[in-house]
Amino acid sequence: MSAAEDRFKSDPTSSNRAGVTLMNNQVGAVVAQVMAENHGVRVTELPSMIRVDGDEKIDFDFEEIAEALGWPDFGGDDFEEIMSTHYGRMVILDDRVLLFANPEDAAEYLGFDLQPVD
């Protein structure tokens, strides 16, 4: 197998990563700066978008983002306005957005248990 063929090989295992694509505007840039300070988060700026990718779980804390923006508040509507895509299990709470790489890690927020049924 050549290097090019190997690059596009399918891998069904979990990447243990989650992430979002943000608009590359003033608000998206500030959110990306805030998130870049978090452990395990990688920010990639591209001409028309900003990728925010993280290991296992990403926590977008609205209070922290609002403070960095200098806004009185920042909420789910504001977040949805600058986000175009995401991967991982997304949980939207009143004060934050959580992204989980693995759905089982979000079980407590989604109201299901992981116990096998007879």
PDB file of N, CA and C in Angstrom:
ATOM      1  N   MET A   1       0.847  -1.170   0.000  1.00  0.00           N
ATOM      2  CA  MET A   1       0.000   0.000   0.000  1.00  0.00           C
ATOM      3  C   MET A   1       0.896   1.238   0.000  1.00  0.00           C
ATOM      4  N   SER A   2       0.596   2.192  -0.858  1.00  0.00           N
ATOM      5  CA  SER A   2       1.396   3.411  -0.946  1.00  0.00           C
ATOM      6  C   SER A   2       1.024   4.358   0.202  1.00  0.00           C
ATOM      7  N   ALA A   3       1.843   5.366   0.415  1.00  0.00           N
ATOM      8  CA  ALA A   3       1.585   6.345   1.478  1.00  0.00           C
ATOM      9  C   ALA A   3       0.266   7.066   1.234  1.00  0.00           C
ATOM     10  N   ALA A   4      -0.050   7.371  -0.023  1.00  0.00           N
ATOM     11  CA  ALA A   4      -1.306   8.054  -0.349  1.00  0.00           C
ATOM     12  C   ALA A   4      -2.499   7.163  -0.037  1.00  0.00           C
ATOM     13  N   GLU A   5      -2.423   5.886  -0.361  1.00  0.00           N
ATOM     14  CA  GLU A   5      -3.519   4.961  -0.071  1.00  0.00           C
ATOM     15  C   GLU A   5      -3.699   4.791   1.434  1.00  0.00           C
ATOM     16  N   ASP A   6      -2.588   4.714   2.162  1.00  0.00           N
ATOM     17  CA  ASP A   6      -2.638   4.544   3.606  1.00  0.00           C
ATOM     18  C   ASP A   6      -3.278   5.765   4.280  1.00  0.00           C
ATOM     19  N   ARG A   7      -3.069   6.934   3.729  1.00  0.00           N
ATOM     20  CA  ARG A   7      -3.612   8.173   4.292  1.00  0.00           C
ATOM     21  C   ARG A   7      -5.142   8.159   4.320  1.00  0.00           C
ATOM     22  N   PHE A   8      -5.775   7.519   3.348  1.00  0.00           N
ATOM     23  CA  PHE A   8      -7.227   7.510   3.251  1.00  0.00           C
ATOM     24  C   PHE A   8      -7.846   6.199   3.733  1.00  0.00           C
ATOM     25  N   LYS A   9      -7.063   5.387   4.397  1.00  0.00           N
ATOM     26  CA  LYS A   9      -7.548   4.116   4.921  1.00  0.00           C
ATOM     27  C   LYS A   9      -8.586   4.368   6.033  1.00  0.00           C
ATOM     28  N   SER A  10      -9.624   3.579   6.039  1.00  0.00           N
ATOM     29  CA  SER A  10     -10.674   3.693   7.040  1.00  0.00           C
ATOM     30  C   SER A  10     -10.189   3.147   8.382  1.00  0.00           C
ATOM     31  N   ASP A  11     -10.544   3.856   9.454  1.00  0.00           N
ATOM     32  CA  ASP A  11     -10.184   3.425  10.804  1.00  0.00           C
ATOM     33  C   ASP A  11     -11.413   3.582  11.692  1.00  0.00           C
ATOM     34  N   PRO A  12     -12.087   2.477  12.051  1.00  0.00           N
ATOM     35  CA  PRO A  12     -13.336   2.569  12.811  1.00  0.00           C
ATOM     36  C   PRO A  12     -13.158   2.813  14.317  1.00  0.00           C
ATOM     37  N   THR A  13     -11.934   2.920  14.798  1.00  0.00           N
ATOM     38  CA  THR A  13     -11.734   3.132  16.232  1.00  0.00           C
ATOM     39  C   THR A  13     -12.004   4.590  16.594  1.00  0.00           C
ATOM     40  N   SER A  14     -12.310   4.834  17.856  1.00  0.00           N
ATOM     41  CA  SER A  14     -12.593   6.189  18.316  1.00  0.00           C
ATOM     42  C   SER A  14     -11.324   7.034  18.286  1.00  0.00           C
ATOM     43  N   SER A  15     -11.468   8.273  17.877  1.00  0.00           N
ATOM     44  CA  SER A  15     -10.337   9.208  17.885  1.00  0.00           C
ATOM     45  C   SER A  15     -10.158   9.841  19.260  1.00  0.00           C
ATOM     46  N   ASN A  16     -11.167   9.689  20.126  1.00  0.00           N
ATOM     47  CA  ASN A  16     -11.189  10.329  21.440  1.00  0.00           C
ATOM     48  C   ASN A  16     -11.065  11.838  21.328  1.00  0.00           C
ATOM     49  N   ARG A  17     -11.614  12.401  20.251  1.00  0.00           N
ATOM     50  CA  ARG A  17     -11.582  13.838  20.018  1.00  0.00           C
ATOM     51  C   ARG A  17     -12.978  14.332  19.672  1.00  0.00           C
ATOM     52  N   ALA A  18     -13.210  15.592  19.975  1.00  0.00           N
ATOM     53  CA  ALA A  18     -14.452  16.276  19.620  1.00  0.00           C
ATOM     54  C   ALA A  18     -14.070  17.681  19.192  1.00  0.00           C
ATOM     55  N   GLY A  19     -14.947  18.334  18.443  1.00  0.00           N
ATOM     56  CA  GLY A  19     -14.588  19.676  18.026  1.00  0.00           C
ATOM     57  C   GLY A  19     -15.699  20.418  17.316  1.00  0.00           C
ATOM     58  N   VAL A  20     -15.422  21.693  17.056  1.00  0.00           N
ATOM     59  CA  VAL A  20     -16.358  22.555  16.354  1.00  0.00           C
ATOM     60  C   VAL A  20     -15.611  23.380  15.313  1.00  0.00           C
ATOM     61  N   THR A  21     -16.375  23.863  14.350  1.00  0.00           N
ATOM     62  CA  THR A  21     -15.893  24.847  13.396  1.00  0.00           C
ATOM     63  C   THR A  21     -16.603  26.152  13.724  1.00  0.00           C
ATOM     64  N   LEU A  22     -15.826  27.204  13.950  1.00  0.00           N
ATOM     65  CA  LEU A  22     -16.376  28.518  14.262  1.00  0.00           C
ATOM     66  C   LEU A  22     -16.157  29.467  13.101  1.00  0.00           C
ATOM     67  N   MET A  23     -17.012  30.476  13.005  1.00  0.00           N
ATOM     68  CA  MET A  23     -16.799  31.532  12.025  1.00  0.00           C
ATOM     69  C   MET A  23     -15.521  32.275  12.389  1.00  0.00           C
ATOM     70  N   ASN A  24     -14.754  32.655  11.388  1.00  0.00           N
ATOM     71  CA  ASN A  24     -13.540  33.431  11.638  1.00  0.00           C
ATOM     72  C   ASN A  24     -13.914  34.914  11.591  1.00  0.00           C
ATOM     73  N   ASN A  25     -14.594  35.350  12.647  1.00  0.00           N
ATOM     74  CA  ASN A  25     -14.951  36.755  12.807  1.00  0.00           C
ATOM     75  C   ASN A  25     -14.487  37.191  14.194  1.00  0.00           C
ATOM     76  N   GLN A  26     -14.864  38.389  14.613  1.00  0.00           N
ATOM     77  CA  GLN A  26     -14.390  38.909  15.896  1.00  0.00           C
ATOM     78  C   GLN A  26     -14.802  38.021  17.065  1.00  0.00           C
ATOM     79  N   VAL A  27     -16.043  37.584  17.079  1.00  0.00           N
ATOM     80  CA  VAL A  27     -16.540  36.766  18.194  1.00  0.00           C
ATOM     81  C   VAL A  27     -15.890  35.379  18.160  1.00  0.00           C
ATOM     82  N   GLY A  28     -15.847  34.754  16.987  1.00  0.00           N
ATOM     83  CA  GLY A  28     -15.217  33.440  16.860  1.00  0.00           C
ATOM     84  C   GLY A  28     -13.760  33.470  17.278  1.00  0.00           C
ATOM     85  N   ALA A  29     -13.058  34.550  16.930  1.00  0.00           N
ATOM     86  CA  ALA A  29     -11.637  34.663  17.295  1.00  0.00           C
ATOM     87  C   ALA A  29     -11.448  34.744  18.804  1.00  0.00           C
ATOM     88  N   VAL A  30     -12.337  35.466  19.490  1.00  0.00           N
ATOM     89  CA  VAL A  30     -12.233  35.566  20.953  1.00  0.00           C
ATOM     90  C   VAL A  30     -12.558  34.223  21.599  1.00  0.00           C
ATOM     91  N   VAL A  31     -13.590  33.556  21.122  1.00  0.00           N
ATOM     92  CA  VAL A  31     -13.935  32.234  21.656  1.00  0.00           C
ATOM     93  C   VAL A  31     -12.747  31.286  21.467  1.00  0.00           C
ATOM     94  N   ALA A  32     -12.131  31.317  20.304  1.00  0.00           N
ATOM     95  CA  ALA A  32     -10.970  30.457  20.034  1.00  0.00           C
ATOM     96  C   ALA A  32      -9.813  30.776  20.979  1.00  0.00           C
ATOM     97  N   GLN A  33      -9.584  32.057  21.258  1.00  0.00           N
ATOM     98  CA  GLN A  33      -8.512  32.440  22.187  1.00  0.00           C
ATOM     99  C   GLN A  33      -8.778  31.902  23.581  1.00  0.00           C
ATOM    100  N   VAL A  34     -10.025  31.991  24.016  1.00  0.00           N
ATOM    101  CA  VAL A  34     -10.395  31.464  25.335  1.00  0.00           C
ATOM    102  C   VAL A  34     -10.165  29.954  25.372  1.00  0.00           C
ATOM    103  N   MET A  35     -10.614  29.259  24.335  1.00  0.00           N
ATOM    104  CA  MET A  35     -10.510  27.800  24.308  1.00  0.00           C
ATOM    105  C   MET A  35      -9.063  27.330  24.185  1.00  0.00           C
ATOM    106  N   ALA A  36      -8.207  28.104  23.532  1.00  0.00           N
ATOM    107  CA  ALA A  36      -6.798  27.725  23.364  1.00  0.00           C
ATOM    108  C   ALA A  36      -6.077  27.613  24.702  1.00  0.00           C
ATOM    109  N   GLU A  37      -6.617  28.244  25.737  1.00  0.00           N
ATOM    110  CA  GLU A  37      -6.007  28.187  27.068  1.00  0.00           C
ATOM    111  C   GLU A  37      -6.315  26.881  27.798  1.00  0.00           C
ATOM    112  N   ASN A  38      -7.253  26.103  27.296  1.00  0.00           N
ATOM    113  CA  ASN A  38      -7.667  24.856  27.952  1.00  0.00           C
ATOM    114  C   ASN A  38      -6.741  23.706  27.579  1.00  0.00           C
ATOM    115  N   HIS A  39      -6.469  22.861  28.558  1.00  0.00           N
ATOM    116  CA  HIS A  39      -5.619  21.685  28.354  1.00  0.00           C
ATOM    117  C   HIS A  39      -6.267  20.738  27.345  1.00  0.00           C
ATOM    118  N   GLY A  40      -5.481  20.257  26.406  1.00  0.00           N
ATOM    119  CA  GLY A  40      -5.960  19.270  25.444  1.00  0.00           C
ATOM    120  C   GLY A  40      -6.757  19.850  24.292  1.00  0.00           C
ATOM    121  N   VAL A  41      -6.810  21.192  24.173  1.00  0.00           N
ATOM    122  CA  VAL A  41      -7.554  21.841  23.092  1.00  0.00           C
ATOM    123  C   VAL A  41      -6.561  22.413  22.085  1.00  0.00           C
ATOM    124  N   ARG A  42      -6.842  22.156  20.814  1.00  0.00           N
ATOM    125  CA  ARG A  42      -6.012  22.697  19.736  1.00  0.00           C
ATOM    126  C   ARG A  42      -6.877  23.610  18.869  1.00  0.00           C
ATOM    127  N   VAL A  43      -6.389  24.817  18.610  1.00  0.00           N
ATOM    128  CA  VAL A  43      -7.086  25.788  17.776  1.00  0.00           C
ATOM    129  C   VAL A  43      -6.319  25.943  16.471  1.00  0.00           C
ATOM    130  N   THR A  44      -7.036  25.831  15.362  1.00  0.00           N
ATOM    131  CA  THR A  44      -6.430  25.987  14.041  1.00  0.00           C
ATOM    132  C   THR A  44      -7.189  27.083  13.303  1.00  0.00           C
ATOM    133  N   GLU A  45      -6.500  28.185  13.020  1.00  0.00           N
ATOM    134  CA  GLU A  45      -7.127  29.288  12.293  1.00  0.00           C
ATOM    135  C   GLU A  45      -6.918  29.096  10.809  1.00  0.00           C
ATOM    136  N   LEU A  46      -8.005  29.170  10.070  1.00  0.00           N
ATOM    137  CA  LEU A  46      -8.008  29.068   8.618  1.00  0.00           C
ATOM    138  C   LEU A  46      -8.627  30.353   8.063  1.00  0.00           C
ATOM    139  N   PRO A  47      -8.504  30.617   6.767  1.00  0.00           N
ATOM    140  CA  PRO A  47      -9.012  31.891   6.238  1.00  0.00           C
ATOM    141  C   PRO A  47     -10.479  32.182   6.539  1.00  0.00           C
ATOM    142  N   SER A  48     -11.348  31.205   6.432  1.00  0.00           N
ATOM    143  CA  SER A  48     -12.771  31.488   6.622  1.00  0.00           C
ATOM    144  C   SER A  48     -13.379  30.792   7.836  1.00  0.00           C
ATOM    145  N   MET A  49     -12.576  30.064   8.598  1.00  0.00           N
ATOM    146  CA  MET A  49     -13.114  29.366   9.763  1.00  0.00           C
ATOM    147  C   MET A  49     -12.005  29.111  10.780  1.00  0.00           C
ATOM    148  N   ILE A  50     -12.427  28.747  11.968  1.00  0.00           N
ATOM    149  CA  ILE A  50     -11.503  28.390  13.045  1.00  0.00           C
ATOM    150  C   ILE A  50     -11.930  27.034  13.573  1.00  0.00           C
ATOM    151  N   ARG A  51     -10.995  26.084  13.614  1.00  0.00           N
ATOM    152  CA  ARG A  51     -11.271  24.759  14.171  1.00  0.00           C
ATOM    153  C   ARG A  51     -10.853  24.761  15.635  1.00  0.00           C
ATOM    154  N   VAL A  52     -11.725  24.248  16.490  1.00  0.00           N
ATOM    155  CA  VAL A  52     -11.413  24.036  17.904  1.00  0.00           C
ATOM    156  C   VAL A  52     -11.625  22.554  18.152  1.00  0.00           C
ATOM    157  N   ASP A  53     -10.535  21.835  18.382  1.00  0.00           N
ATOM    158  CA  ASP A  53     -10.574  20.384  18.578  1.00  0.00           C
ATOM    159  C   ASP A  53      -9.987  20.062  19.948  1.00  0.00           C
ATOM    160  N   GLY A  54     -10.574  19.079  20.606  1.00  0.00           N
ATOM    161  CA  GLY A  54     -10.094  18.728  21.934  1.00  0.00           C
ATOM    162  C   GLY A  54     -10.110  17.246  22.209  1.00  0.00           C
ATOM    163  N   ASP A  55      -9.343  16.859  23.208  1.00  0.00           N
ATOM    164  CA  ASP A  55      -9.271  15.470  23.649  1.00  0.00           C
ATOM    165  C   ASP A  55     -10.426  15.171  24.599  1.00  0.00           C
ATOM    166  N   GLU A  56     -11.173  14.126  24.301  1.00  0.00           N
ATOM    167  CA  GLU A  56     -12.229  13.563  25.142  1.00  0.00           C
ATOM    168  C   GLU A  56     -13.417  14.477  25.408  1.00  0.00           C
ATOM    169  N   LYS A  57     -13.189  15.696  25.931  1.00  0.00           N
ATOM    170  CA  LYS A  57     -14.305  16.586  26.282  1.00  0.00           C
ATOM    171  C   LYS A  57     -13.854  18.038  26.125  1.00  0.00           C
ATOM    172  N   ILE A  58     -14.740  18.856  25.575  1.00  0.00           N
ATOM    173  CA  ILE A  58     -14.482  20.294  25.477  1.00  0.00           C
ATOM    174  C   ILE A  58     -15.619  21.003  26.208  1.00  0.00           C
ATOM    175  N   ASP A  59     -15.259  22.003  27.001  1.00  0.00           N
ATOM    176  CA  ASP A  59     -16.230  22.757  27.793  1.00  0.00           C
ATOM    177  C   ASP A  59     -16.166  24.229  27.377  1.00  0.00           C
ATOM    178  N   PHE A  60     -17.201  24.693  26.679  1.00  0.00           N
ATOM    179  CA  PHE A  60     -17.318  26.099  26.313  1.00  0.00           C
ATOM    180  C   PHE A  60     -18.111  26.788  27.421  1.00  0.00           C
ATOM    181  N   ASP A  61     -17.419  27.428  28.343  1.00  0.00           N
ATOM    182  CA  ASP A  61     -18.023  28.077  29.503  1.00  0.00           C
ATOM    183  C   ASP A  61     -18.467  29.485  29.096  1.00  0.00           C
ATOM    184  N   PHE A  62     -19.790  29.718  29.076  1.00  0.00           N
ATOM    185  CA  PHE A  62     -20.330  30.982  28.592  1.00  0.00           C
ATOM    186  C   PHE A  62     -19.877  32.182  29.432  1.00  0.00           C
ATOM    187  N   GLU A  63     -19.759  32.017  30.733  1.00  0.00           N
ATOM    188  CA  GLU A  63     -19.326  33.123  31.600  1.00  0.00           C
ATOM    189  C   GLU A  63     -17.898  33.537  31.258  1.00  0.00           C
ATOM    190  N   GLU A  64     -17.035  32.562  31.075  1.00  0.00           N
ATOM    191  CA  GLU A  64     -15.639  32.830  30.714  1.00  0.00           C
ATOM    192  C   GLU A  64     -15.556  33.529  29.349  1.00  0.00           C
ATOM    193  N   ILE A  65     -16.358  33.088  28.406  1.00  0.00           N
ATOM    194  CA  ILE A  65     -16.367  33.683  27.066  1.00  0.00           C
ATOM    195  C   ILE A  65     -16.921  35.105  27.118  1.00  0.00           C
ATOM    196  N   ALA A  66     -18.021  35.320  27.859  1.00  0.00           N
ATOM    197  CA  ALA A  66     -18.608  36.654  27.986  1.00  0.00           C
ATOM    198  C   ALA A  66     -17.609  37.638  28.570  1.00  0.00           C
ATOM    199  N   GLU A  67     -16.869  37.190  29.580  1.00  0.00           N
ATOM    200  CA  GLU A  67     -15.864  38.050  30.204  1.00  0.00           C
ATOM    201  C   GLU A  67     -14.782  38.448  29.197  1.00  0.00           C
ATOM    202  N   ALA A  68     -14.317  37.499  28.401  1.00  0.00           N
ATOM    203  CA  ALA A  68     -13.292  37.785  27.400  1.00  0.00           C
ATOM    204  C   ALA A  68     -13.812  38.723  26.310  1.00  0.00           C
ATOM    205  N   LEU A  69     -15.094  38.595  25.975  1.00  0.00           N
ATOM    206  CA  LEU A  69     -15.703  39.464  24.967  1.00  0.00           C
ATOM    207  C   LEU A  69     -16.018  40.854  25.516  1.00  0.00           C
ATOM    208  N   GLY A  70     -16.137  40.966  26.841  1.00  0.00           N
ATOM    209  CA  GLY A  70     -16.565  42.216  27.448  1.00  0.00           C
ATOM    210  C   GLY A  70     -18.062  42.419  27.334  1.00  0.00           C
ATOM    211  N   TRP A  71     -18.796  41.320  27.202  1.00  0.00           N
ATOM    212  CA  TRP A  71     -20.248  41.359  27.090  1.00  0.00           C
ATOM    213  C   TRP A  71     -20.861  41.068  28.455  1.00  0.00           C
ATOM    214  N   PRO A  72     -22.086  41.565  28.684  1.00  0.00           N
ATOM    215  CA  PRO A  72     -22.740  41.235  29.949  1.00  0.00           C
ATOM    216  C   PRO A  72     -23.099  39.754  30.040  1.00  0.00           C
ATOM    217  N   ASP A  73     -23.376  39.152  28.890  1.00  0.00           N
ATOM    218  CA  ASP A  73     -23.647  37.708  28.882  1.00  0.00           C
ATOM    219  C   ASP A  73     -23.388  37.151  27.481  1.00  0.00           C
ATOM    220  N   PHE A  74     -23.208  35.872  27.428  1.00  0.00           N
ATOM    221  CA  PHE A  74     -22.992  35.111  26.191  1.00  0.00           C
ATOM    222  C   PHE A  74     -23.745  33.822  26.405  1.00  0.00           C
ATOM    223  N   GLY A  75     -24.535  33.409  25.435  1.00  0.00           N
ATOM    224  CA  GLY A  75     -25.350  32.220  25.640  1.00  0.00           C
ATOM    225  C   GLY A  75     -25.375  31.291  24.455  1.00  0.00           C
ATOM    226  N   GLY A  76     -26.250  30.308  24.550  1.00  0.00           N
ATOM    227  CA  GLY A  76     -26.362  29.292  23.519  1.00  0.00           C
ATOM    228  C   GLY A  76     -26.689  29.853  22.148  1.00  0.00           C
ATOM    229  N   ASP A  77     -27.543  30.884  22.101  1.00  0.00           N
ATOM    230  CA  ASP A  77     -27.866  31.494  20.806  1.00  0.00           C
ATOM    231  C   ASP A  77     -26.631  32.128  20.177  1.00  0.00           C
ATOM    232  N   ASP A  78     -25.835  32.801  20.999  1.00  0.00           N
ATOM    233  CA  ASP A  78     -24.604  33.421  20.502  1.00  0.00           C
ATOM    234  C   ASP A  78     -23.637  32.355  19.990  1.00  0.00           C
ATOM    235  N   PHE A  79     -23.550  31.261  20.738  1.00  0.00           N
ATOM    236  CA  PHE A  79     -22.650  30.177  20.337  1.00  0.00           C
ATOM    237  C   PHE A  79     -23.107  29.562  19.018  1.00  0.00           C
ATOM    238  N   GLU A  80     -24.393  29.294  18.899  1.00  0.00           N
ATOM    239  CA  GLU A  80     -24.916  28.691  17.674  1.00  0.00           C
ATOM    240  C   GLU A  80     -24.725  29.603  16.469  1.00  0.00           C
ATOM    241  N   GLU A  81     -24.736  30.907  16.697  1.00  0.00           N
ATOM    242  CA  GLU A  81     -24.556  31.859  15.601  1.00  0.00           C
ATOM    243  C   GLU A  81     -23.156  31.777  14.988  1.00  0.00           C
ATOM    244  N   ILE A  82     -22.137  31.497  15.795  1.00  0.00           N
ATOM    245  CA  ILE A  82     -20.763  31.458  15.269  1.00  0.00           C
ATOM    246  C   ILE A  82     -20.295  30.050  14.927  1.00  0.00           C
ATOM    247  N   MET A  83     -21.044  29.020  15.342  1.00  0.00           N
ATOM    248  CA  MET A  83     -20.647  27.639  15.080  1.00  0.00           C
ATOM    249  C   MET A  83     -21.341  27.125  13.821  1.00  0.00           C
ATOM    250  N   SER A  84     -20.562  26.496  12.943  1.00  0.00           N
ATOM    251  CA  SER A  84     -21.199  25.951  11.747  1.00  0.00           C
ATOM    252  C   SER A  84     -21.301  24.433  11.781  1.00  0.00           C
ATOM    253  N   THR A  85     -20.309  23.741  12.292  1.00  0.00           N
ATOM    254  CA  THR A  85     -20.358  22.282  12.374  1.00  0.00           C
ATOM    255  C   THR A  85     -19.724  21.818  13.672  1.00  0.00           C
ATOM    256  N   HIS A  86     -20.015  20.580  14.023  1.00  0.00           N
ATOM    257  CA  HIS A  86     -19.357  19.990  15.183  1.00  0.00           C
ATOM    258  C   HIS A  86     -19.249  18.485  14.976  1.00  0.00           C
ATOM    259  N   TYR A  87     -18.354  17.865  15.726  1.00  0.00           N
ATOM    260  CA  TYR A  87     -18.322  16.409  15.785  1.00  0.00           C
ATOM    261  C   TYR A  87     -18.145  16.017  17.237  1.00  0.00           C
ATOM    262  N   GLY A  88     -18.723  14.890  17.587  1.00  0.00           N
ATOM    263  CA  GLY A  88     -18.808  14.472  18.977  1.00  0.00           C
ATOM    264  C   GLY A  88     -20.222  14.703  19.468  1.00  0.00           C
ATOM    265  N   ARG A  89     -20.516  14.219  20.653  1.00  0.00           N
ATOM    266  CA  ARG A  89     -21.850  14.377  21.248  1.00  0.00           C
ATOM    267  C   ARG A  89     -21.924  15.745  21.897  1.00  0.00           C
ATOM    268  N   MET A  90     -22.853  16.585  21.445  1.00  0.00           N
ATOM    269  CA  MET A  90     -22.998  17.942  21.976  1.00  0.00           C
ATOM    270  C   MET A  90     -24.127  17.992  22.995  1.00  0.00           C
ATOM    271  N   VAL A  91     -23.825  18.590  24.144  1.00  0.00           N
ATOM    272  CA  VAL A  91     -24.815  18.810  25.192  1.00  0.00           C
ATOM    273  C   VAL A  91     -24.853  20.317  25.452  1.00  0.00           C
ATOM    274  N   ILE A  92     -26.031  20.915  25.252  1.00  0.00           N
ATOM    275  CA  ILE A  92     -26.180  22.351  25.451  1.00  0.00           C
ATOM    276  C   ILE A  92     -26.896  22.576  26.775  1.00  0.00           C
ATOM    277  N   LEU A  93     -26.211  23.243  27.684  1.00  0.00           N
ATOM    278  CA  LEU A  93     -26.765  23.581  28.992  1.00  0.00           C
ATOM    279  C   LEU A  93     -26.988  25.087  29.047  1.00  0.00           C
ATOM    280  N   ASP A  94     -27.598  25.584  30.103  1.00  0.00           N
ATOM    281  CA  ASP A  94     -27.858  27.022  30.222  1.00  0.00           C
ATOM    282  C   ASP A  94     -26.573  27.845  30.273  1.00  0.00           C
ATOM    283  N   ASP A  95     -25.532  27.302  30.894  1.00  0.00           N
ATOM    284  CA  ASP A  95     -24.318  28.087  31.115  1.00  0.00           C
ATOM    285  C   ASP A  95     -23.094  27.611  30.336  1.00  0.00           C
ATOM    286  N   ARG A  96     -23.263  26.618  29.471  1.00  0.00           N
ATOM    287  CA  ARG A  96     -22.122  26.079  28.738  1.00  0.00           C
ATOM    288  C   ARG A  96     -22.567  25.123  27.651  1.00  0.00           C
ATOM    289  N   VAL A  97     -21.641  24.832  26.752  1.00  0.00           N
ATOM    290  CA  VAL A  97     -21.809  23.764  25.769  1.00  0.00           C
ATOM    291  C   VAL A  97     -20.693  22.767  26.027  1.00  0.00           C
ATOM    292  N   LEU A  98     -21.059  21.500  26.134  1.00  0.00           N
ATOM    293  CA  LEU A  98     -20.090  20.429  26.331  1.00  0.00           C
ATOM    294  C   LEU A  98     -20.065  19.563  25.080  1.00  0.00           C
ATOM    295  N   LEU A  99     -18.882  19.197  24.654  1.00  0.00           N
ATOM    296  CA  LEU A  99     -18.715  18.260  23.549  1.00  0.00           C
ATOM    297  C   LEU A  99     -17.946  17.062  24.057  1.00  0.00           C
ATOM    298  N   PHE A 100     -18.475  15.872  23.802  1.00  0.00           N
ATOM    299  CA  PHE A 100     -17.850  14.638  24.245  1.00  0.00           C
ATOM    300  C   PHE A 100     -17.424  13.820  23.033  1.00  0.00           C
ATOM    301  N   ALA A 101     -16.228  13.282  23.074  1.00  0.00           N
ATOM    302  CA  ALA A 101     -15.737  12.438  21.984  1.00  0.00           C
ATOM    303  C   ALA A 101     -16.513  11.131  21.918  1.00  0.00           C
ATOM    304  N   ASN A 102     -16.877  10.609  23.075  1.00  0.00           N
ATOM    305  CA  ASN A 102     -17.561   9.319  23.142  1.00  0.00           C
ATOM    306  C   ASN A 102     -18.938   9.495  23.772  1.00  0.00           C
ATOM    307  N   PRO A 103     -19.992   9.020  23.113  1.00  0.00           N
ATOM    308  CA  PRO A 103     -21.356   9.211  23.629  1.00  0.00           C
ATOM    309  C   PRO A 103     -21.548   8.700  25.045  1.00  0.00           C
ATOM    310  N   GLU A 104     -20.855   7.625  25.402  1.00  0.00           N
ATOM    311  CA  GLU A 104     -21.048   7.087  26.753  1.00  0.00           C
ATOM    312  C   GLU A 104     -20.625   8.077  27.826  1.00  0.00           C
ATOM    313  N   ASP A 105     -19.678   8.965  27.508  1.00  0.00           N
ATOM    314  CA  ASP A 105     -19.232   9.962  28.482  1.00  0.00           C
ATOM    315  C   ASP A 105     -20.292  11.025  28.729  1.00  0.00           C
ATOM    316  N   ALA A 106     -21.245  11.168  27.811  1.00  0.00           N
ATOM    317  CA  ALA A 106     -22.323  12.147  27.944  1.00  0.00           C
ATOM    318  C   ALA A 106     -23.585  11.530  28.550  1.00  0.00           C
ATOM    319  N   ALA A 107     -23.545  10.270  28.931  1.00  0.00           N
ATOM    320  CA  ALA A 107     -24.740   9.533  29.372  1.00  0.00           C
ATOM    321  C   ALA A 107     -25.489  10.243  30.489  1.00  0.00           C
ATOM    322  N   GLU A 108     -24.788  10.768  31.487  1.00  0.00           N
ATOM    323  CA  GLU A 108     -25.478  11.398  32.612  1.00  0.00           C
ATOM    324  C   GLU A 108     -26.253  12.650  32.184  1.00  0.00           C
ATOM    325  N   TYR A 109     -25.796  13.344  31.158  1.00  0.00           N
ATOM    326  CA  TYR A 109     -26.481  14.540  30.670  1.00  0.00           C
ATOM    327  C   TYR A 109     -27.644  14.200  29.753  1.00  0.00           C
ATOM    328  N   LEU A 110     -27.581  13.037  29.114  1.00  0.00           N
ATOM    329  CA  LEU A 110     -28.583  12.657  28.127  1.00  0.00           C
ATOM    330  C   LEU A 110     -29.694  11.786  28.701  1.00  0.00           C
ATOM    331  N   GLY A 111     -29.563  11.399  29.969  1.00  0.00           N
ATOM    332  CA  GLY A 111     -30.617  10.655  30.625  1.00  0.00           C
ATOM    333  C   GLY A 111     -30.701   9.186  30.266  1.00  0.00           C
ATOM    334  N   PHE A 112     -29.590   8.580  29.900  1.00  0.00           N
ATOM    335  CA  PHE A 112     -29.627   7.140  29.695  1.00  0.00           C
ATOM    336  C   PHE A 112     -28.502   6.504  30.476  1.00  0.00           C
ATOM    337  N   ASP A 113     -28.736   5.258  30.881  1.00  0.00           N
ATOM    338  CA  ASP A 113     -27.678   4.555  31.599  1.00  0.00           C
ATOM    339  C   ASP A 113     -27.047   3.527  30.659  1.00  0.00           C
ATOM    340  N   LEU A 114     -25.929   3.064  31.065  1.00  0.00           N
ATOM    341  CA  LEU A 114     -25.174   2.143  30.232  1.00  0.00           C
ATOM    342  C   LEU A 114     -25.243   0.706  30.734  1.00  0.00           C
ATOM    343  N   GLN A 115     -26.264   0.430  31.548  1.00  0.00           N
ATOM    344  CA  GLN A 115     -26.435  -0.914  32.076  1.00  0.00           C
ATOM    345  C   GLN A 115     -27.081  -1.791  31.028  1.00  0.00           C
ATOM    346  N   PRO A 116     -26.568  -2.988  30.807  1.00  0.00           N
ATOM    347  CA  PRO A 116     -27.194  -3.893  29.824  1.00  0.00           C
ATOM    348  C   PRO A 116     -28.598  -4.292  30.262  1.00  0.00           C
ATOM    349  N   VAL A 117     -29.464  -4.471  29.307  1.00  0.00           N
ATOM    350  CA  VAL A 117     -30.848  -4.886  29.552  1.00  0.00           C
ATOM    351  C   VAL A 117     -30.942  -6.366  29.276  1.00  0.00           C
ATOM    352  N   ASP A 118     -31.616  -7.102  30.175  1.00  0.00           N
ATOM    353  CA  ASP A 118     -31.786  -8.546  29.991  1.00  0.00           C
ATOM    354  C   ASP A 118     -32.718  -8.847  28.868  1.00  0.00           C
TER     355      ASP A 118
END
